[in-house]
Structure formats: structure tokens, C-alpha cells
């Protein structure tokens, strides 16, 4: 039971990245905002779905996800990203997505937890 005027809610953020390219062996750079507003960097394989969960974080946290190509995919890379949030162990809910199939080398997605 939550008392009025307090914020004991805990949130978890799930970041998802999907990509496609005609080239094998390509990698992507992923930067995300994690607990304590610390950036975390990952190198992931293109063409392989990837996700990670961070938390707990509090209301007002800015979930940020940036994905960029490493090397050159010669205009053949597509990137799709999603940010999900759950509150107090509820199911994850999709809060932001960019599912463009237009070739690109970079995508950034942000969501501020406001509920």
C-alpha cells in the first residue's frame, strides 16, 4: 500500500534491439542509460535480437537507448528499437518504439518514466 506523498514505486526498464543487414559478422554499438544515470556500453552482433533489463529505477528516470553501426554496412542496415517499463513487478508495457525498416546507421530512443 502506497502512502500519499511518497514515491516508493520501483521501475525496471527493458531495452530491445533488432537489426538486419545482408552482411554477416557485423557488430553494433549500444549505449543505454542504466541505474544511477550511468551509461552502459555494449557491442552486439547485427542480425541477432538483443535485450537487457536494468533497474530498479525511480519515477522521473530517463530511459535512453542509442544504437549505431560499427564499420560500414553500405546502406544495408536496418535498426528497430523498443523501450518497455514495468512498475512494481507488473508486466512490462511498451513505452517507446522505432520500428522503421528504412536503412540507417543510427537510432536513438528516449522515454521519461512519468506514471
N, C-alpha and C. Protein backbone atom coordinates (compact mmCIF):
# COMPACT_ATOMS: atom_id res chain seq x y z
N UNK A 1 0.85 -1.17 0.00
CA UNK A 1 0.00 0.00 0.00
C UNK A 1 0.89 1.23 0.00
N UNK A 2 0.64 2.14 -0.94
CA UNK A 2 1.44 3.35 -1.05
C UNK A 2 0.79 4.49 -0.29
N UNK A 3 1.61 5.21 0.45
CA UNK A 3 1.11 6.37 1.18
C UNK A 3 1.11 7.57 0.26
N UNK A 4 0.14 8.46 0.47
CA UNK A 4 0.09 9.68 -0.33
C UNK A 4 1.33 10.52 -0.06
N UNK A 5 1.89 11.10 -1.12
CA UNK A 5 3.03 11.98 -0.97
C UNK A 5 4.37 11.28 -0.95
N UNK A 6 4.39 9.96 -1.04
CA UNK A 6 5.67 9.26 -1.09
C UNK A 6 5.78 8.54 -2.42
N UNK A 7 7.01 8.26 -2.79
CA UNK A 7 7.22 7.56 -4.05
C UNK A 7 8.13 6.37 -3.80
N UNK A 8 7.54 5.26 -3.42
CA UNK A 8 8.30 4.03 -3.20
C UNK A 8 8.21 3.09 -4.40
N UNK A 9 7.61 3.57 -5.49
CA UNK A 9 7.46 2.73 -6.67
C UNK A 9 8.83 2.39 -7.25
N UNK A 10 8.96 1.14 -7.71
CA UNK A 10 10.18 0.71 -8.38
C UNK A 10 9.83 0.34 -9.81
N UNK A 11 10.70 0.75 -10.72
CA UNK A 11 10.51 0.51 -12.14
C UNK A 11 11.71 -0.25 -12.68
N UNK A 12 11.44 -1.10 -13.66
CA UNK A 12 12.50 -1.75 -14.42
C UNK A 12 12.30 -1.40 -15.88
N UNK A 13 13.40 -1.26 -16.59
CA UNK A 13 13.37 -0.88 -18.00
C UNK A 13 13.97 -2.01 -18.82
N UNK A 14 13.25 -2.42 -19.86
CA UNK A 14 13.77 -3.41 -20.81
C UNK A 14 14.04 -2.72 -22.14
N UNK A 15 15.28 -2.84 -22.58
CA UNK A 15 15.68 -2.28 -23.87
C UNK A 15 15.78 -3.43 -24.87
N UNK A 16 15.25 -3.23 -26.08
CA UNK A 16 15.33 -4.25 -27.13
C UNK A 16 15.89 -3.65 -28.40
N UNK A 17 16.74 -4.43 -29.07
CA UNK A 17 17.31 -4.02 -30.35
C UNK A 17 17.17 -5.18 -31.33
N UNK A 18 16.67 -4.89 -32.51
CA UNK A 18 16.66 -5.85 -33.61
C UNK A 18 17.29 -5.14 -34.81
N UNK A 19 17.96 -5.91 -35.64
CA UNK A 19 18.62 -5.33 -36.80
C UNK A 19 18.67 -6.34 -37.93
N UNK A 20 18.86 -5.83 -39.12
CA UNK A 20 19.08 -6.72 -40.26
C UNK A 20 20.07 -6.05 -41.21
N UNK A 21 20.85 -6.88 -41.84
CA UNK A 21 21.80 -6.45 -42.85
C UNK A 21 22.09 -7.66 -43.74
N UNK A 22 22.53 -7.42 -44.95
CA UNK A 22 22.86 -8.55 -45.83
C UNK A 22 24.23 -9.12 -45.51
N UNK A 23 24.96 -8.41 -44.65
CA UNK A 23 26.33 -8.83 -44.34
C UNK A 23 26.38 -9.63 -43.04
N UNK A 24 27.23 -10.65 -43.03
CA UNK A 24 27.46 -11.46 -41.83
C UNK A 24 28.62 -10.87 -41.03
N UNK A 25 28.63 -11.14 -39.73
CA UNK A 25 29.76 -10.77 -38.91
C UNK A 25 29.82 -9.30 -38.54
N UNK A 26 28.75 -8.55 -38.76
CA UNK A 26 28.74 -7.13 -38.42
C UNK A 26 28.37 -6.94 -36.96
N UNK A 27 28.83 -5.84 -36.37
CA UNK A 27 28.51 -5.54 -34.98
C UNK A 27 27.93 -4.13 -34.86
N UNK A 28 27.24 -3.92 -33.74
CA UNK A 28 26.61 -2.65 -33.43
C UNK A 28 27.07 -2.17 -32.07
N UNK A 29 27.12 -0.86 -31.90
CA UNK A 29 27.42 -0.25 -30.62
C UNK A 29 26.10 0.17 -29.97
N UNK A 30 25.89 -0.26 -28.72
CA UNK A 30 24.68 0.09 -27.98
C UNK A 30 25.09 0.86 -26.73
N UNK A 31 24.46 2.02 -26.53
CA UNK A 31 24.67 2.80 -25.31
C UNK A 31 23.30 2.99 -24.68
N UNK A 32 23.19 2.65 -23.40
CA UNK A 32 21.91 2.84 -22.72
C UNK A 32 22.13 3.49 -21.37
N UNK A 33 21.07 4.13 -20.88
CA UNK A 33 21.10 4.74 -19.56
C UNK A 33 20.65 3.68 -18.56
N UNK A 34 21.46 3.50 -17.50
CA UNK A 34 21.18 2.47 -16.51
C UNK A 34 21.02 3.10 -15.13
N UNK A 35 20.93 2.25 -14.12
CA UNK A 35 20.78 2.70 -12.75
C UNK A 35 21.83 3.76 -12.42
N UNK A 36 21.44 4.76 -11.63
CA UNK A 36 22.37 5.82 -11.25
C UNK A 36 22.72 6.75 -12.39
N UNK A 37 21.92 6.74 -13.45
CA UNK A 37 22.16 7.55 -14.65
C UNK A 37 23.54 7.31 -15.23
N UNK A 38 24.00 6.07 -15.17
CA UNK A 38 25.29 5.69 -15.75
C UNK A 38 25.07 5.11 -17.13
N UNK A 39 25.87 5.56 -18.10
CA UNK A 39 25.81 4.96 -19.42
C UNK A 39 26.48 3.60 -19.40
N UNK A 40 25.85 2.62 -20.03
CA UNK A 40 26.44 1.31 -20.21
C UNK A 40 26.63 1.10 -21.71
N UNK A 41 27.79 0.58 -22.08
CA UNK A 41 28.11 0.34 -23.49
C UNK A 41 28.18 -1.16 -23.75
N UNK A 42 27.62 -1.56 -24.89
CA UNK A 42 27.65 -2.96 -25.30
C UNK A 42 28.02 -3.02 -26.78
N UNK A 43 28.71 -4.06 -27.16
CA UNK A 43 28.91 -4.38 -28.57
C UNK A 43 28.11 -5.64 -28.83
N UNK A 44 27.17 -5.55 -29.76
CA UNK A 44 26.29 -6.69 -30.03
C UNK A 44 26.41 -7.08 -31.50
N UNK A 45 25.99 -8.29 -31.81
CA UNK A 45 26.01 -8.77 -33.18
C UNK A 45 24.78 -8.26 -33.93
N UNK A 46 25.01 -7.75 -35.13
CA UNK A 46 23.89 -7.41 -36.01
C UNK A 46 23.20 -8.71 -36.41
N UNK A 47 21.95 -8.62 -36.79
CA UNK A 47 21.14 -9.76 -37.23
C UNK A 47 20.71 -10.67 -36.10
N UNK A 48 21.08 -10.35 -34.85
CA UNK A 48 20.71 -11.16 -33.70
C UNK A 48 19.90 -10.30 -32.73
N UNK A 49 18.66 -10.66 -32.43
CA UNK A 49 17.88 -9.87 -31.46
C UNK A 49 18.61 -9.79 -30.13
N UNK A 50 18.52 -8.65 -29.47
CA UNK A 50 19.23 -8.41 -28.21
C UNK A 50 18.31 -7.66 -27.27
N UNK A 51 18.41 -7.97 -25.97
CA UNK A 51 17.66 -7.22 -24.97
C UNK A 51 18.39 -7.28 -23.65
N UNK A 52 18.12 -6.30 -22.81
CA UNK A 52 18.64 -6.29 -21.45
C UNK A 52 17.65 -5.54 -20.56
N UNK A 53 17.66 -5.86 -19.27
CA UNK A 53 16.78 -5.20 -18.30
C UNK A 53 17.66 -4.52 -17.26
N UNK A 54 17.32 -3.26 -16.91
CA UNK A 54 18.02 -2.54 -15.86
C UNK A 54 17.02 -2.13 -14.79
N UNK A 55 17.51 -1.88 -13.59
CA UNK A 55 16.65 -1.41 -12.52
C UNK A 55 17.07 -2.01 -11.21
N UNK A 56 16.42 -1.60 -10.14
CA UNK A 56 15.28 -0.69 -10.14
C UNK A 56 15.70 0.77 -10.31
N UNK A 57 14.78 1.55 -10.89
CA UNK A 57 14.93 2.99 -11.02
C UNK A 57 13.65 3.64 -10.49
N UNK A 58 13.67 4.94 -10.35
CA UNK A 58 12.53 5.67 -9.79
C UNK A 58 11.81 6.49 -10.86
N UNK A 59 10.63 6.95 -10.52
CA UNK A 59 9.86 7.85 -11.39
C UNK A 59 10.74 9.04 -11.75
N UNK A 60 10.68 9.47 -13.01
CA UNK A 60 11.50 10.57 -13.49
C UNK A 60 12.76 10.10 -14.20
N UNK A 61 13.07 8.81 -14.09
CA UNK A 61 14.25 8.25 -14.78
C UNK A 61 14.07 8.40 -16.28
N UNK A 62 15.14 8.80 -16.96
CA UNK A 62 15.11 8.92 -18.42
C UNK A 62 15.77 7.69 -19.02
N UNK A 63 14.95 6.83 -19.60
CA UNK A 63 15.46 5.65 -20.30
C UNK A 63 15.93 6.11 -21.67
N UNK A 64 17.18 5.83 -21.99
CA UNK A 64 17.76 6.28 -23.25
C UNK A 64 18.51 5.12 -23.90
N UNK A 65 18.29 4.94 -25.20
CA UNK A 65 18.90 3.86 -25.96
C UNK A 65 19.42 4.42 -27.27
N UNK A 66 20.70 4.22 -27.52
CA UNK A 66 21.33 4.65 -28.77
C UNK A 66 22.02 3.46 -29.40
N UNK A 67 21.77 3.25 -30.70
CA UNK A 67 22.39 2.14 -31.43
C UNK A 67 23.03 2.71 -32.68
N UNK A 68 24.27 2.30 -32.95
CA UNK A 68 24.95 2.75 -34.17
C UNK A 68 25.77 1.61 -34.75
N UNK A 69 25.99 1.67 -36.05
CA UNK A 69 26.75 0.62 -36.70
C UNK A 69 28.24 0.79 -36.39
N UNK A 70 28.93 -0.34 -36.36
CA UNK A 70 30.39 -0.36 -36.27
C UNK A 70 30.85 -0.87 -37.62
N UNK A 71 31.67 -0.10 -38.30
CA UNK A 71 32.06 -0.48 -39.65
C UNK A 71 31.01 0.05 -40.62
N UNK A 72 31.04 -0.45 -41.83
CA UNK A 72 30.14 0.06 -42.87
C UNK A 72 29.29 -1.07 -43.43
N UNK A 73 27.99 -0.88 -43.38
CA UNK A 73 27.04 -1.84 -43.96
C UNK A 73 26.55 -1.37 -45.33
N UNK A 74 27.16 -0.33 -45.84
CA UNK A 74 26.90 0.16 -47.20
C UNK A 74 25.43 0.37 -47.49
N UNK A 75 24.74 1.00 -46.50
CA UNK A 75 23.33 1.32 -46.69
C UNK A 75 22.39 0.14 -46.59
N UNK A 76 22.87 -0.97 -46.05
CA UNK A 76 22.04 -2.19 -45.98
C UNK A 76 21.63 -2.56 -44.56
N UNK A 77 21.74 -1.63 -43.61
CA UNK A 77 21.43 -1.91 -42.22
C UNK A 77 20.09 -1.29 -41.83
N UNK A 78 19.22 -2.09 -41.21
CA UNK A 78 18.00 -1.54 -40.61
C UNK A 78 18.07 -1.79 -39.11
N UNK A 79 17.52 -0.85 -38.35
CA UNK A 79 17.54 -0.92 -36.90
C UNK A 79 16.15 -0.70 -36.35
N UNK A 80 15.73 -1.56 -35.41
CA UNK A 80 14.46 -1.41 -34.73
C UNK A 80 14.72 -1.46 -33.23
N UNK A 81 14.14 -0.50 -32.49
CA UNK A 81 14.38 -0.44 -31.06
C UNK A 81 13.07 -0.26 -30.30
N UNK A 82 13.08 -0.75 -29.05
CA UNK A 82 11.90 -0.61 -28.18
C UNK A 82 12.37 -0.39 -26.74
N UNK A 83 11.56 0.38 -26.01
CA UNK A 83 11.76 0.56 -24.57
C UNK A 83 10.46 0.15 -23.88
N UNK A 84 10.59 -0.80 -22.95
CA UNK A 84 9.47 -1.25 -22.13
C UNK A 84 9.75 -0.85 -20.68
N UNK A 85 8.68 -0.64 -19.91
CA UNK A 85 8.84 -0.33 -18.49
C UNK A 85 7.83 -1.15 -17.70
N UNK A 86 8.26 -1.62 -16.52
CA UNK A 86 7.30 -2.21 -15.60
C UNK A 86 7.36 -1.46 -14.28
N UNK A 87 6.25 -1.44 -13.57
CA UNK A 87 6.13 -0.73 -12.30
C UNK A 87 5.73 -1.73 -11.23
N UNK A 88 6.54 -1.80 -10.17
CA UNK A 88 6.22 -2.66 -9.03
C UNK A 88 5.88 -4.09 -9.45
N UNK A 89 6.72 -4.67 -10.29
CA UNK A 89 6.61 -6.06 -10.73
C UNK A 89 5.40 -6.35 -11.62
N UNK A 90 4.77 -5.32 -12.16
CA UNK A 90 3.69 -5.53 -13.13
C UNK A 90 4.31 -6.00 -14.45
N UNK A 91 3.49 -6.46 -15.39
CA UNK A 91 4.04 -6.85 -16.70
C UNK A 91 4.69 -5.64 -17.39
N UNK A 92 5.69 -5.91 -18.22
CA UNK A 92 6.32 -4.85 -18.99
C UNK A 92 5.34 -4.28 -20.00
N UNK A 93 5.35 -2.95 -20.13
CA UNK A 93 4.49 -2.27 -21.10
C UNK A 93 5.38 -1.50 -22.07
N UNK A 94 5.07 -1.60 -23.35
CA UNK A 94 5.82 -0.87 -24.37
C UNK A 94 5.56 0.62 -24.22
N UNK A 95 6.63 1.41 -24.10
CA UNK A 95 6.50 2.85 -23.91
C UNK A 95 7.01 3.65 -25.11
N UNK A 96 8.02 3.16 -25.78
CA UNK A 96 8.54 3.83 -26.98
C UNK A 96 9.04 2.77 -27.95
N UNK A 97 8.85 3.03 -29.24
CA UNK A 97 9.41 2.12 -30.24
C UNK A 97 9.73 2.90 -31.51
N UNK A 98 10.72 2.42 -32.21
CA UNK A 98 11.08 2.94 -33.53
C UNK A 98 11.36 1.71 -34.37
N UNK A 99 10.37 1.34 -35.18
CA UNK A 99 10.46 0.10 -35.94
C UNK A 99 10.58 0.35 -37.44
N UNK A 100 11.22 1.45 -37.79
CA UNK A 100 11.41 1.79 -39.19
C UNK A 100 12.24 0.72 -39.91
N UNK A 101 11.86 0.41 -41.13
CA UNK A 101 12.64 -0.51 -41.96
C UNK A 101 13.47 0.23 -43.00
N UNK A 102 13.55 1.54 -42.87
CA UNK A 102 14.40 2.35 -43.74
C UNK A 102 15.86 2.15 -43.34
N UNK A 103 16.73 1.86 -44.28
CA UNK A 103 18.15 1.68 -43.93
C UNK A 103 18.70 2.92 -43.24
N UNK A 104 19.49 2.69 -42.17
CA UNK A 104 20.11 3.79 -41.43
C UNK A 104 21.27 3.24 -40.61
N UNK A 105 22.09 4.14 -40.12
CA UNK A 105 23.29 3.73 -39.39
C UNK A 105 23.18 4.06 -37.90
N UNK A 106 22.07 4.69 -37.50
CA UNK A 106 21.98 5.22 -36.14
C UNK A 106 20.51 5.36 -35.75
N UNK A 107 20.20 5.08 -34.48
CA UNK A 107 18.86 5.33 -33.95
C UNK A 107 18.99 5.66 -32.47
N UNK A 108 18.15 6.60 -32.02
CA UNK A 108 18.11 6.94 -30.60
C UNK A 108 16.66 6.99 -30.15
N UNK A 109 16.42 6.47 -28.94
CA UNK A 109 15.07 6.40 -28.39
C UNK A 109 15.15 6.80 -26.92
N UNK A 110 14.20 7.64 -26.46
CA UNK A 110 14.16 8.10 -25.07
C UNK A 110 12.75 7.98 -24.53
N UNK A 111 12.66 7.73 -23.22
CA UNK A 111 11.38 7.74 -22.53
C UNK A 111 11.61 8.14 -21.07
N UNK A 112 10.85 9.13 -20.58
CA UNK A 112 10.93 9.53 -19.19
C UNK A 112 9.78 8.87 -18.43
N UNK A 113 10.11 8.15 -17.37
CA UNK A 113 9.09 7.45 -16.57
C UNK A 113 8.27 8.50 -15.83
N UNK A 114 6.97 8.52 -16.11
CA UNK A 114 6.12 9.60 -15.58
C UNK A 114 4.79 9.10 -15.00
N UNK A 115 4.73 7.84 -14.60
CA UNK A 115 3.48 7.33 -14.04
C UNK A 115 3.70 6.61 -12.73
